[in-house]
Amino acid sequence: MSSACLASGAGRCELVKDVDGYFTADPHTHHDASLIPHLSYTTALQMADDGCPLVQRSAIAEAASAGLPLIIRSLSSEGTRVHQES
């Protein structure tokens, strides 16, 4: 994640990837994987700790520390919103 998102006072940071967001399983190998529309920072950090390479752990931790929502998506998807637990 670019520190520009944090420095600019942005309301969110969008990361455009080659997948639509976080899924219940790897969509490249599990065709029945479902998109996860919302994740807490805690869950996204746990997924990174468990080996999910979609977003670097340090980027998630930095966003969580700043309370900056992350949107992980492709160009054709609304993606997954990573944010504070409600």
Protein backbone atom coordinates (compact mmCIF):
# COMPACT_ATOMS: atom_id res chain seq x y z
CA MET A 1 0.00 0.00 0.00
CA SER A 2 1.28 3.40 -0.84
CA SER A 3 1.76 5.74 2.07
CA ALA A 4 0.27 8.35 -0.29
CA CYS A 5 -3.20 7.05 0.70
CA LEU A 6 -2.43 7.82 4.32
CA ALA A 7 -0.59 11.10 3.71
CA SER A 8 -3.32 12.50 1.48
CA GLY A 9 -6.01 12.00 4.08
CA ALA A 10 -7.92 9.70 1.73
CA GLY A 11 -11.13 8.13 2.97
CA ARG A 12 -10.11 4.74 1.60
CA CYS A 13 -7.40 3.03 -0.43
CA GLU A 14 -8.27 0.90 -3.47
CA LEU A 15 -5.91 -1.87 -4.53
CA VAL A 16 -6.61 -3.18 -8.03
CA LYS A 17 -5.58 -6.82 -8.41
CA ASP A 18 -5.92 -9.66 -10.92
CA VAL A 19 -8.72 -11.20 -8.83
CA ASP A 20 -12.00 -9.64 -7.71
CA GLY A 21 -11.07 -9.53 -4.00
CA TYR A 22 -10.82 -11.99 -1.14
CA PHE A 23 -12.47 -15.36 -1.68
CA THR A 24 -13.46 -18.33 0.48
CA ALA A 25 -10.75 -20.33 -1.38
CA ASP A 26 -8.25 -19.71 -4.18
CA PRO A 27 -10.46 -18.88 -7.20
CA HIS A 28 -7.74 -20.06 -9.58
CA THR A 29 -7.99 -23.62 -8.25
CA HIS A 30 -11.48 -23.72 -6.67
CA HIS A 31 -14.15 -22.73 -9.16
CA ASP A 32 -16.81 -22.78 -6.45
CA ALA A 33 -14.99 -20.15 -4.37
CA SER A 34 -17.20 -17.23 -3.30
CA LEU A 35 -16.21 -13.57 -3.11
CA ILE A 36 -16.13 -12.21 0.44
CA PRO A 37 -17.68 -8.71 0.28
CA HIS A 38 -16.50 -7.52 3.74
CA LEU A 39 -13.62 -8.48 6.05
CA SER A 40 -12.40 -7.03 9.31
CA TYR A 41 -8.77 -5.99 9.59
CA THR A 42 -8.36 -8.80 12.13
CA THR A 43 -9.58 -11.45 9.68
CA ALA A 44 -7.49 -10.05 6.80
CA LEU A 45 -4.40 -10.05 9.05
CA GLN A 46 -5.10 -13.66 10.07
CA MET A 47 -5.48 -14.64 6.41
CA ALA A 48 -2.11 -13.00 5.64
CA ASP A 49 -0.54 -14.84 8.59
CA ASP A 50 -2.01 -18.08 7.23
CA GLY A 51 -0.29 -17.51 3.87
CA CYS A 52 -2.80 -15.57 1.78
CA PRO A 53 -0.59 -13.44 -0.52
CA LEU A 54 -3.31 -11.08 -1.83
CA VAL A 55 -2.30 -8.06 0.29
CA GLN A 56 0.92 -7.68 2.23
CA ARG A 57 0.43 -8.03 5.97
CA SER A 58 2.24 -4.75 6.62
CA ALA A 59 -0.19 -2.88 4.34
CA ILE A 60 -3.19 -4.30 6.19
CA ALA A 61 -1.64 -3.47 9.56
CA GLU A 62 -0.84 0.09 8.46
CA ALA A 63 -4.39 0.61 7.17
CA ALA A 64 -5.84 -0.83 10.39
CA SER A 65 -3.66 1.45 12.50
CA ALA A 66 -4.89 4.48 10.56
CA GLY A 67 -8.51 3.28 10.37
CA LEU A 68 -8.28 3.48 6.57
CA PRO A 69 -10.63 1.07 4.76
CA LEU A 70 -9.07 -0.98 1.98
CA ILE A 71 -10.94 -1.96 -1.15
CA ILE A 72 -9.37 -4.96 -2.90
CA ARG A 73 -10.84 -5.46 -6.36
CA SER A 74 -10.26 -6.06 -10.05
CA LEU A 75 -11.19 -3.53 -12.71
CA SER A 76 -14.51 -5.32 -13.19
CA SER A 77 -15.55 -5.96 -9.58
CA GLU A 78 -16.67 -4.05 -6.50
CA GLY A 79 -14.33 -6.34 -4.57
CA THR A 80 -13.82 -6.81 -0.86
CA ARG A 81 -13.90 -4.01 1.70
CA VAL A 82 -11.48 -4.48 4.62
CA HIS A 83 -12.44 -2.29 7.58
CA GLN A 84 -13.00 -1.99 11.32
CA GLU A 85 -15.23 -4.60 12.90
CA SER A 86 -18.72 -3.25 13.43
